[in-house]
Amino acid sequence: MPLGHGHGASAWGVYMPYPPGMELEPRPLTPRASLDVEDESPSRAKITWTTPARFLNSKDSHAYVSSEFRLSLGAGPCPSTVARFKMMIYPKVHSNVKGGASFKKARGRGYLELSCMDTLPDVAPEVTFSLAVGSTKARGPTTHCFRSSAVGRLPANQAEWDFKAQVEDGAVTVLLYMEPCQRAAPHSDGDAGAKEGSDAAKQ
């Protein structure tokens, strides 16, 4: 009496190898999201955000947001101010019709913003930052005062990116260089709502 059927087994339950050309190929590994903060010098920090690129094919029109990271602003004689930041990717608006502002319609093109999550004191210094995506040359630097405006951007002539062209192994990597600042230790109990993803899920 047959013990089972299917690939790899005969009608009598005896294991048989797949015929030539029918071997199952291993599934590609799904890239994992990560965010790393490191000090490049006593006054300059480098933030590396790697995230799966599948959001670039979504119908979502909200920003895709990194997890939170903490930086200590200031160097030398400047008082140190610790603040929380996030990076955000917005799709380029393709048209004004419904769905025309989605990542899918934008075909991988969009914009990067740096958002400060805290109200900064008057002693917090202005910062200078540059941005890069994948293997592209860093753009900037540009100087921004997060005391007066919580969101920093590159100049308009440098703001648009082709994220899809920089996908590698199923992931997009964003590099942020900022000074004067250093890496600040995360809270020991973790930050609430610190996971990355669509900004719509955080509202």
C-alpha atoms as a PDB file:
ATOM      1  CA  MET A   1       0.000   0.000   0.000  1.00  0.00           C
ATOM      2  CA  PRO A   2       1.449   3.406  -0.937  1.00  0.00           C
ATOM      3  CA  LEU A   3       2.724   5.406   2.000  1.00  0.00           C
ATOM      4  CA  GLY A   4       2.604   8.787   0.344  1.00  0.00           C
ATOM      5  CA  HIS A   5       2.968  10.801  -2.776  1.00  0.00           C
ATOM      6  CA  GLY A   6       4.698  14.039  -3.650  1.00  0.00           C
ATOM      7  CA  HIS A   7       8.058  15.406  -4.705  1.00  0.00           C
ATOM      8  CA  GLY A   8      10.966  13.474  -3.284  1.00  0.00           C
ATOM      9  CA  ALA A   9       8.963  10.303  -2.492  1.00  0.00           C
ATOM     10  CA  SER A  10       7.982   7.333  -4.645  1.00  0.00           C
ATOM     11  CA  ALA A  11       4.523   5.811  -4.734  1.00  0.00           C
ATOM     12  CA  TRP A  12       5.734   3.361  -2.037  1.00  0.00           C
ATOM     13  CA  GLY A  13       7.067   5.978   0.350  1.00  0.00           C
ATOM     14  CA  VAL A  14      10.709   5.463  -0.577  1.00  0.00           C
ATOM     15  CA  TYR A  15      12.663   8.718  -0.840  1.00  0.00           C
ATOM     16  CA  MET A  16      13.694   9.531  -4.363  1.00  0.00           C
ATOM     17  CA  PRO A  17      15.767  12.568  -5.340  1.00  0.00           C
ATOM     18  CA  TYR A  18      14.225  15.247  -7.514  1.00  0.00           C
ATOM     19  CA  PRO A  19      14.753  14.669 -11.234  1.00  0.00           C
ATOM     20  CA  PRO A  20      17.531  16.781 -12.750  1.00  0.00           C
ATOM     21  CA  GLY A  21      16.374  20.365 -13.221  1.00  0.00           C
ATOM     22  CA  MET A  22      13.561  20.080 -10.662  1.00  0.00           C
ATOM     23  CA  GLU A  23      15.562  20.790  -7.488  1.00  0.00           C
ATOM     24  CA  LEU A  24      13.988  23.472  -5.335  1.00  0.00           C
ATOM     25  CA  GLU A  25      16.026  26.673  -5.241  1.00  0.00           C
ATOM     26  CA  PRO A  26      16.581  28.191  -1.791  1.00  0.00           C
ATOM     27  CA  ARG A  27      14.411  31.200  -1.033  1.00  0.00           C
ATOM     28  CA  PRO A  28      16.284  34.509  -1.064  1.00  0.00           C
ATOM     29  CA  LEU A  29      16.812  35.911   2.403  1.00  0.00           C
ATOM     30  CA  THR A  30      14.513  38.784   3.342  1.00  0.00           C
ATOM     31  CA  PRO A  31      16.638  41.822   4.274  1.00  0.00           C
ATOM     32  CA  ARG A  32      16.265  43.007   7.847  1.00  0.00           C
ATOM     33  CA  ALA A  33      15.802  46.614   8.913  1.00  0.00           C
ATOM     34  CA  SER A  34      18.634  48.139  10.915  1.00  0.00           C
ATOM     35  CA  LEU A  35      19.767  51.536  12.157  1.00  0.00           C
ATOM     36  CA  ASP A  36      23.307  52.153  13.396  1.00  0.00           C
ATOM     37  CA  VAL A  37      24.777  55.305  14.934  1.00  0.00           C
ATOM     38  CA  GLU A  38      28.526  55.716  15.208  1.00  0.00           C
ATOM     39  CA  ASP A  39      30.927  58.545  16.003  1.00  0.00           C
ATOM     40  CA  GLU A  40      33.246  59.334  13.093  1.00  0.00           C
ATOM     41  CA  SER A  41      35.058  61.985  15.144  1.00  0.00           C
ATOM     42  CA  PRO A  42      34.568  63.843  18.450  1.00  0.00           C
ATOM     43  CA  SER A  43      32.135  66.181  16.689  1.00  0.00           C
ATOM     44  CA  ARG A  44      30.660  64.171  13.792  1.00  0.00           C
ATOM     45  CA  ALA A  45      28.193  61.261  13.789  1.00  0.00           C
ATOM     46  CA  LYS A  46      27.274  58.836  11.008  1.00  0.00           C
ATOM     47  CA  ILE A  47      23.822  57.231  10.960  1.00  0.00           C
ATOM     48  CA  THR A  48      23.192  54.246   8.668  1.00  0.00           C
ATOM     49  CA  TRP A  49      19.580  53.224   8.035  1.00  0.00           C
ATOM     50  CA  THR A  50      18.988  50.045   6.026  1.00  0.00           C
ATOM     51  CA  THR A  51      15.409  48.984   5.305  1.00  0.00           C
ATOM     52  CA  PRO A  52      13.664  46.447   3.017  1.00  0.00           C
ATOM     53  CA  ALA A  53      12.779  48.106  -0.283  1.00  0.00           C
ATOM     54  CA  ARG A  54       9.294  46.606  -0.649  1.00  0.00           C
ATOM     55  CA  PHE A  55       7.677  49.872   0.512  1.00  0.00           C
ATOM     56  CA  LEU A  56       8.748  51.424  -2.811  1.00  0.00           C
ATOM     57  CA  ASN A  57       6.066  49.299  -4.553  1.00  0.00           C
ATOM     58  CA  SER A  58       3.312  50.131  -2.081  1.00  0.00           C
ATOM     59  CA  LYS A  59       0.247  52.307  -2.645  1.00  0.00           C
ATOM     60  CA  ASP A  60       1.052  54.191   0.556  1.00  0.00           C
ATOM     61  CA  SER A  61       1.280  57.967   0.227  1.00  0.00           C
ATOM     62  CA  HIS A  62       2.469  58.560   3.800  1.00  0.00           C
ATOM     63  CA  ALA A  63       6.096  58.949   4.771  1.00  0.00           C
ATOM     64  CA  TYR A  64       8.158  55.835   5.408  1.00  0.00           C
ATOM     65  CA  VAL A  65       9.867  56.486   8.750  1.00  0.00           C
ATOM     66  CA  SER A  66      13.020  55.148  10.388  1.00  0.00           C
ATOM     67  CA  SER A  67      13.211  54.086  14.001  1.00  0.00           C
ATOM     68  CA  GLU A  68      14.238  56.775  16.483  1.00  0.00           C
ATOM     69  CA  PHE A  69      17.856  57.529  17.250  1.00  0.00           C
ATOM     70  CA  ARG A  70      19.394  59.833  19.849  1.00  0.00           C
ATOM     71  CA  LEU A  71      22.166  62.353  19.294  1.00  0.00           C
ATOM     72  CA  SER A  72      24.030  64.613  21.673  1.00  0.00           C
ATOM     73  CA  LEU A  73      24.193  67.981  19.915  1.00  0.00           C
ATOM     74  CA  GLY A  74      27.173  70.223  20.523  1.00  0.00           C
ATOM     75  CA  ALA A  75      30.930  69.844  20.740  1.00  0.00           C
ATOM     76  CA  GLY A  76      33.826  71.575  22.461  1.00  0.00           C
ATOM     77  CA  PRO A  77      32.589  74.633  24.385  1.00  0.00           C
ATOM     78  CA  CYS A  78      28.971  74.100  23.226  1.00  0.00           C
ATOM     79  CA  PRO A  79      26.674  72.659  25.936  1.00  0.00           C
ATOM     80  CA  SER A  80      25.456  69.146  25.138  1.00  0.00           C
ATOM     81  CA  THR A  81      21.773  68.699  24.267  1.00  0.00           C
ATOM     82  CA  VAL A  82      20.365  65.193  23.751  1.00  0.00           C
ATOM     83  CA  ALA A  83      17.549  64.930  21.214  1.00  0.00           C
ATOM     84  CA  ARG A  84      15.605  62.219  19.388  1.00  0.00           C
ATOM     85  CA  PHE A  85      15.520  62.130  15.583  1.00  0.00           C
ATOM     86  CA  LYS A  86      13.919  60.166  12.756  1.00  0.00           C
ATOM     87  CA  MET A  87      14.599  60.025   9.023  1.00  0.00           C
ATOM     88  CA  MET A  88      11.606  60.055   6.685  1.00  0.00           C
ATOM     89  CA  ILE A  89      11.206  59.078   3.014  1.00  0.00           C
ATOM     90  CA  TYR A  90       8.363  60.728   1.086  1.00  0.00           C
ATOM     91  CA  PRO A  91       7.199  59.650  -2.382  1.00  0.00           C
ATOM     92  CA  LYS A  92       7.334  62.147  -5.216  1.00  0.00           C
ATOM     93  CA  VAL A  93       3.852  63.320  -6.206  1.00  0.00           C
ATOM     94  CA  HIS A  94       3.112  61.823  -9.628  1.00  0.00           C
ATOM     95  CA  SER A  95      -0.310  63.469 -10.073  1.00  0.00           C
ATOM     96  CA  ASN A  96      -3.079  65.092  -8.041  1.00  0.00           C
ATOM     97  CA  VAL A  97      -5.578  62.297  -8.672  1.00  0.00           C
ATOM     98  CA  LYS A  98      -6.332  59.732  -5.959  1.00  0.00           C
ATOM     99  CA  GLY A  99      -3.326  57.462  -5.469  1.00  0.00           C
ATOM    100  CA  GLY A 100      -1.094  59.756  -7.502  1.00  0.00           C
ATOM    101  CA  ALA A 101       1.156  60.478  -4.522  1.00  0.00           C
ATOM    102  CA  SER A 102       1.968  56.843  -3.686  1.00  0.00           C
ATOM    103  CA  PHE A 103       5.392  55.208  -3.710  1.00  0.00           C
ATOM    104  CA  LYS A 104       4.221  52.911  -6.508  1.00  0.00           C
ATOM    105  CA  LYS A 105       3.184  55.810  -8.744  1.00  0.00           C
ATOM    106  CA  ALA A 106       6.424  57.652  -7.928  1.00  0.00           C
ATOM    107  CA  ARG A 107       8.386  54.690  -9.373  1.00  0.00           C
ATOM    108  CA  GLY A 108      10.906  54.787  -6.573  1.00  0.00           C
ATOM    109  CA  ARG A 109      11.542  58.524  -6.625  1.00  0.00           C
ATOM    110  CA  GLY A 110      11.104  60.660  -3.531  1.00  0.00           C
ATOM    111  CA  TYR A 111      12.564  62.893  -0.851  1.00  0.00           C
ATOM    112  CA  LEU A 112      14.405  62.574   2.459  1.00  0.00           C
ATOM    113  CA  GLU A 113      13.726  64.596   5.597  1.00  0.00           C
ATOM    114  CA  LEU A 114      15.330  64.667   9.035  1.00  0.00           C
ATOM    115  CA  SER A 115      12.879  65.294  11.869  1.00  0.00           C
ATOM    116  CA  CYS A 116      13.709  66.267  15.453  1.00  0.00           C
ATOM    117  CA  MET A 117      11.218  64.745  17.901  1.00  0.00           C
ATOM    118  CA  ASP A 118      12.012  67.080  20.820  1.00  0.00           C
ATOM    119  CA  THR A 119      11.694  70.792  21.588  1.00  0.00           C
ATOM    120  CA  LEU A 120      15.260  72.056  21.867  1.00  0.00           C
ATOM    121  CA  PRO A 121      16.530  74.642  24.367  1.00  0.00           C
ATOM    122  CA  ASP A 122      18.004  77.967  23.262  1.00  0.00           C
ATOM    123  CA  VAL A 123      21.529  76.673  23.881  1.00  0.00           C
ATOM    124  CA  ALA A 124      21.184  73.887  21.284  1.00  0.00           C
ATOM    125  CA  PRO A 125      23.490  74.652  18.353  1.00  0.00           C
ATOM    126  CA  GLU A 126      22.669  74.689  14.674  1.00  0.00           C
ATOM    127  CA  VAL A 127      23.803  71.502  12.934  1.00  0.00           C
ATOM    128  CA  THR A 128      25.228  70.720   9.522  1.00  0.00           C
ATOM    129  CA  PHE A 129      24.263  67.504   7.756  1.00  0.00           C
ATOM    130  CA  SER A 130      24.739  65.601   4.508  1.00  0.00           C
ATOM    131  CA  LEU A 131      22.732  62.695   3.073  1.00  0.00           C
ATOM    132  CA  ALA A 132      23.475  59.802   0.730  1.00  0.00           C
ATOM    133  CA  VAL A 133      21.426  56.879  -0.611  1.00  0.00           C
ATOM    134  CA  GLY A 134      23.173  53.619  -1.450  1.00  0.00           C
ATOM    135  CA  SER A 135      26.375  54.167  -3.384  1.00  0.00           C
ATOM    136  CA  THR A 136      25.564  57.731  -4.456  1.00  0.00           C
ATOM    137  CA  LYS A 137      27.813  60.614  -3.516  1.00  0.00           C
ATOM    138  CA  ALA A 138      26.695  62.436  -0.370  1.00  0.00           C
ATOM    139  CA  ARG A 139      24.690  65.622  -0.985  1.00  0.00           C
ATOM    140  CA  GLY A 140      25.056  68.746   1.105  1.00  0.00           C
ATOM    141  CA  PRO A 141      26.226  69.829   3.521  1.00  0.00           C
ATOM    142  CA  THR A 142      23.373  72.054   4.618  1.00  0.00           C
ATOM    143  CA  THR A 143      23.008  73.875   7.941  1.00  0.00           C
ATOM    144  CA  HIS A 144      19.743  73.765   9.885  1.00  0.00           C
ATOM    145  CA  CYS A 145      18.394  75.152  13.156  1.00  0.00           C
ATOM    146  CA  PHE A 146      16.135  72.525  14.767  1.00  0.00           C
ATOM    147  CA  ARG A 147      15.200  75.016  17.490  1.00  0.00           C
ATOM    148  CA  SER A 148      13.136  77.016  15.009  1.00  0.00           C
ATOM    149  CA  SER A 149      12.060  74.219  12.622  1.00  0.00           C
ATOM    150  CA  ALA A 150      11.687  70.557  13.577  1.00  0.00           C
ATOM    151  CA  VAL A 151      12.272  69.267  10.029  1.00  0.00           C
ATOM    152  CA  GLY A 152      15.495  69.620   8.071  1.00  0.00           C
ATOM    153  CA  ARG A 153      15.813  69.116   4.312  1.00  0.00           C
ATOM    154  CA  LEU A 154      18.410  69.427   1.603  1.00  0.00           C
ATOM    155  CA  PRO A 155      18.126  72.369  -0.822  1.00  0.00           C
ATOM    156  CA  ALA A 156      15.456  71.898  -3.493  1.00  0.00           C
ATOM    157  CA  ASN A 157      18.004  71.241  -6.262  1.00  0.00           C
ATOM    158  CA  GLN A 158      19.459  68.314  -4.269  1.00  0.00           C
ATOM    159  CA  ALA A 159      16.313  66.971  -2.615  1.00  0.00           C
ATOM    160  CA  GLU A 160      15.013  64.346  -5.086  1.00  0.00           C
ATOM    161  CA  TRP A 161      16.358  60.779  -4.991  1.00  0.00           C
ATOM    162  CA  ASP A 162      15.903  57.701  -7.176  1.00  0.00           C
ATOM    163  CA  PHE A 163      15.619  55.157  -4.349  1.00  0.00           C
ATOM    164  CA  LYS A 164      14.750  52.257  -6.647  1.00  0.00           C
ATOM    165  CA  ALA A 165      18.008  52.681  -8.555  1.00  0.00           C
ATOM    166  CA  GLN A 166      19.910  52.225  -5.291  1.00  0.00           C
ATOM    167  CA  VAL A 167      18.219  49.014  -4.135  1.00  0.00           C
ATOM    168  CA  GLU A 168      20.814  46.352  -3.331  1.00  0.00           C
ATOM    169  CA  ASP A 169      19.960  42.836  -2.157  1.00  0.00           C
ATOM    170  CA  GLY A 170      16.345  43.925  -1.668  1.00  0.00           C
ATOM    171  CA  ALA A 171      17.164  46.838   0.631  1.00  0.00           C
ATOM    172  CA  VAL A 172      17.694  50.598   0.568  1.00  0.00           C
ATOM    173  CA  THR A 173      20.437  52.190   2.678  1.00  0.00           C
ATOM    174  CA  VAL A 174      20.356  55.844   3.737  1.00  0.00           C
ATOM    175  CA  LEU A 175      23.453  57.514   5.193  1.00  0.00           C
ATOM    176  CA  LEU A 176      23.278  60.637   7.347  1.00  0.00           C
ATOM    177  CA  TYR A 177      26.347  62.615   8.426  1.00  0.00           C
ATOM    178  CA  MET A 178      25.763  65.307  11.063  1.00  0.00           C
ATOM    179  CA  GLU A 179      27.857  67.682  13.161  1.00  0.00           C
ATOM    180  CA  PRO A 180      28.496  68.973  15.766  1.00  0.00           C
ATOM    181  CA  CYS A 181      27.082  65.939  17.551  1.00  0.00           C
ATOM    182  CA  GLN A 182      27.848  62.515  18.946  1.00  0.00           C
ATOM    183  CA  ARG A 183      25.976  59.299  19.511  1.00  0.00           C
ATOM    184  CA  ALA A 184      23.813  59.348  22.648  1.00  0.00           C
ATOM    185  CA  ALA A 185      23.031  56.145  24.542  1.00  0.00           C
ATOM    186  CA  PRO A 186      19.421  54.909  24.062  1.00  0.00           C
ATOM    187  CA  HIS A 187      17.034  54.747  27.002  1.00  0.00           C
ATOM    188  CA  SER A 188      17.501  51.527  28.943  1.00  0.00           C
ATOM    189  CA  ASP A 189      13.751  50.825  28.834  1.00  0.00           C
ATOM    190  CA  GLY A 190      13.483  51.477  25.081  1.00  0.00           C
ATOM    191  CA  ASP A 191      11.654  54.213  23.206  1.00  0.00           C
ATOM    192  CA  ALA A 192       7.900  53.871  22.716  1.00  0.00           C
ATOM    193  CA  GLY A 193       6.850  53.862  19.069  1.00  0.00           C
ATOM    194  CA  ALA A 194      10.449  53.608  17.905  1.00  0.00           C
ATOM    195  CA  LYS A 195       9.832  51.047  15.136  1.00  0.00           C
ATOM    196  CA  GLU A 196      10.152  52.046  11.519  1.00  0.00           C
ATOM    197  CA  GLY A 197       7.433  51.910   8.888  1.00  0.00           C
ATOM    198  CA  SER A 198       4.623  53.946   7.411  1.00  0.00           C
ATOM    199  CA  ASP A 199       3.894  57.173   9.249  1.00  0.00           C
ATOM    200  CA  ALA A 200       0.175  56.418   8.903  1.00  0.00           C
ATOM    201  CA  ALA A 201       0.494  53.614  11.451  1.00  0.00           C
ATOM    202  CA  LYS A 202       1.961  56.016  14.003  1.00  0.00           C
ATOM    203  CA  GLN A 203      -0.889  58.520  13.981  1.00  0.00           C
END
